[in-house]
């Protein structure tokens, strides 16, 4: 018996180790909707770009790398969007998960303006302070929803 309710999905992977370890793609396209998993600041080998210095308890002690991590995170998100034929113009919502809201807020305007190509991106945006992210040296993670024209 076949299931006619199965969605046709397309996936994108960066090829980083945690995709297999956790078991997920970086993005999924269903119809004209694109759902981008939380992106972070990593290079093609999966190494954190601009890792935060850690204190003796293994927690970030310095948030000066927030701008570099945020820029790299948007660059990684751009790759996911492009794989589905989208750009930041197609983004309808973004959610920034950050360890330090003040540090993120201080650099977000400039980084977001550069990524979106405008001072007022046309997308809903959330910035949420969290106590921890996946990797100790990680300061930020950003998830996106995008929509293609019908």
Protein backbone atom coordinates (compact mmCIF):
# COMPACT_ATOMS: atom_id res chain seq x y z
CA UNK A 1 0.00 0.00 0.00
CA UNK A 2 1.50 3.35 -1.00
CA UNK A 3 1.20 6.53 0.99
CA UNK A 4 0.02 9.39 -1.21
CA UNK A 5 0.61 11.86 1.62
CA UNK A 6 4.42 11.61 1.43
CA UNK A 7 6.04 14.98 0.86
CA UNK A 8 8.60 15.39 -1.87
CA UNK A 9 11.67 16.83 -0.13
CA UNK A 10 15.06 17.96 -1.38
CA UNK A 11 17.96 18.18 1.09
CA UNK A 12 21.28 20.02 1.26
CA UNK A 13 24.33 18.96 3.27
CA UNK A 14 27.58 20.86 3.98
CA UNK A 15 29.38 17.54 4.51
CA UNK A 16 30.43 18.32 8.09
CA UNK A 17 30.77 15.54 10.69
CA UNK A 18 27.82 16.52 12.87
CA UNK A 19 25.34 15.97 10.03
CA UNK A 20 25.98 12.22 10.41
CA UNK A 21 26.50 12.32 14.18
CA UNK A 22 23.15 14.02 14.81
CA UNK A 23 21.44 12.84 11.62
CA UNK A 24 20.11 15.88 9.77
CA UNK A 25 20.46 17.99 6.61
CA UNK A 26 21.36 21.68 6.63
CA UNK A 27 18.27 22.55 4.64
CA UNK A 28 15.07 21.04 3.31
CA UNK A 29 12.99 22.27 0.39
CA UNK A 30 9.34 21.24 0.26
CA UNK A 31 7.40 22.76 -2.62
CA UNK A 32 8.28 26.45 -2.61
CA UNK A 33 9.26 26.51 1.09
CA UNK A 34 12.83 26.24 2.36
CA UNK A 35 13.70 25.40 5.96
CA UNK A 36 17.33 26.04 6.91
CA UNK A 37 18.64 24.26 10.01
CA UNK A 38 20.60 26.31 12.51
CA UNK A 39 23.74 27.49 10.74
CA UNK A 40 26.97 28.22 12.53
CA UNK A 41 30.45 29.55 11.94
CA UNK A 42 32.39 26.68 10.37
CA UNK A 43 34.73 26.18 7.45
CA UNK A 44 34.46 23.42 4.83
CA UNK A 45 36.32 21.00 7.13
CA UNK A 46 33.87 21.59 9.98
CA UNK A 47 36.23 23.69 12.11
CA UNK A 48 34.72 26.66 13.99
CA UNK A 49 35.77 29.97 12.42
CA UNK A 50 36.58 32.57 15.08
CA UNK A 51 36.29 30.24 18.08
CA UNK A 52 35.64 31.96 21.38
CA UNK A 53 38.27 31.79 24.10
CA UNK A 54 37.09 29.55 26.92
CA UNK A 55 37.42 30.08 30.67
CA UNK A 56 38.54 27.39 33.15
CA UNK A 57 34.99 25.98 33.17
CA UNK A 58 34.99 25.53 29.38
CA UNK A 59 32.54 28.40 28.76
CA UNK A 60 33.15 31.36 26.42
CA UNK A 61 35.08 34.07 28.27
CA UNK A 62 35.30 36.50 25.35
CA UNK A 63 32.63 37.53 22.85
CA UNK A 64 34.87 39.61 20.58
CA UNK A 65 34.57 36.99 17.81
CA UNK A 66 30.79 37.48 17.54
CA UNK A 67 31.04 39.55 14.35
CA UNK A 68 33.29 37.05 12.55
CA UNK A 69 31.12 34.14 13.68
CA UNK A 70 27.96 35.96 12.57
CA UNK A 71 29.43 36.82 9.15
CA UNK A 72 30.56 33.23 8.60
CA UNK A 73 27.17 31.92 9.72
CA UNK A 74 25.38 34.07 7.13
CA UNK A 75 27.90 32.93 4.49
CA UNK A 76 27.10 29.29 5.30
CA UNK A 77 23.36 30.02 5.15
CA UNK A 78 23.85 31.62 1.74
CA UNK A 79 25.27 28.31 0.44
CA UNK A 80 22.20 26.44 1.67
CA UNK A 81 19.80 28.96 0.13
CA UNK A 82 21.67 28.98 -3.18
CA UNK A 83 21.50 25.18 -3.38
CA UNK A 84 17.71 25.57 -3.65
CA UNK A 85 17.79 28.52 -6.07
CA UNK A 86 17.14 31.11 -3.35
CA UNK A 87 18.87 34.20 -1.95
CA UNK A 88 18.44 36.23 1.20
CA UNK A 89 15.66 38.08 -0.68
CA UNK A 90 13.62 34.88 -0.26
CA UNK A 91 14.08 34.73 3.52
CA UNK A 92 10.85 35.41 5.40
CA UNK A 93 12.07 34.63 8.93
CA UNK A 94 15.35 34.24 10.76
CA UNK A 95 16.05 33.30 14.35
CA UNK A 96 19.40 34.11 15.93
CA UNK A 97 20.35 32.02 18.96
CA UNK A 98 23.18 33.74 20.83
CA UNK A 99 25.11 33.30 24.06
CA UNK A 100 25.33 37.07 24.60
CA UNK A 101 22.46 39.23 23.30
CA UNK A 102 24.35 42.50 23.84
CA UNK A 103 27.41 41.31 21.89
CA UNK A 104 25.20 40.04 19.05
CA UNK A 105 23.03 43.16 18.98
CA UNK A 106 26.14 45.38 18.77
CA UNK A 107 27.22 43.82 15.44
CA UNK A 108 23.94 42.50 14.00
CA UNK A 109 22.86 45.65 12.12
CA UNK A 110 26.05 45.82 10.05
CA UNK A 111 26.35 42.08 9.43
CA UNK A 112 22.67 41.67 8.54
CA UNK A 113 22.73 44.74 6.27
CA UNK A 114 25.70 43.26 4.41
CA UNK A 115 24.10 39.81 4.09
CA UNK A 116 20.72 41.09 2.94
CA UNK A 117 22.05 44.02 0.91
CA UNK A 118 19.82 46.53 2.71
CA UNK A 119 19.60 48.31 6.07
CA UNK A 120 16.06 46.99 6.61
CA UNK A 121 15.82 43.32 5.59
CA UNK A 122 12.26 42.30 4.67
CA UNK A 123 12.03 39.33 7.01
CA UNK A 124 10.80 38.65 10.49
CA UNK A 125 13.74 38.40 12.86
CA UNK A 126 14.14 36.98 16.35
CA UNK A 127 17.19 37.18 18.60
CA UNK A 128 17.13 34.77 21.52
CA UNK A 129 19.67 34.47 24.32
CA UNK A 130 20.51 30.89 25.18
CA UNK A 131 22.71 29.31 27.84
CA UNK A 132 24.51 26.90 25.51
CA UNK A 133 25.02 25.98 21.85
CA UNK A 134 26.27 22.77 20.23
CA UNK A 135 30.00 23.53 20.45
CA UNK A 136 31.79 25.19 23.39
CA UNK A 137 33.53 27.83 21.23
CA UNK A 138 30.35 28.68 19.30
CA UNK A 139 28.70 32.04 20.06
CA UNK A 140 25.82 32.08 17.57
CA UNK A 141 23.51 29.87 15.50
CA UNK A 142 20.93 31.12 12.99
CA UNK A 143 17.93 29.27 11.51
CA UNK A 144 16.01 30.53 8.46
CA UNK A 145 12.73 30.06 6.62
CA UNK A 146 12.55 31.12 2.99
CA UNK A 147 9.89 31.12 0.31
CA UNK A 148 10.27 30.84 -3.46
CA UNK A 149 7.76 32.36 -5.86
CA UNK A 150 4.96 30.01 -6.88
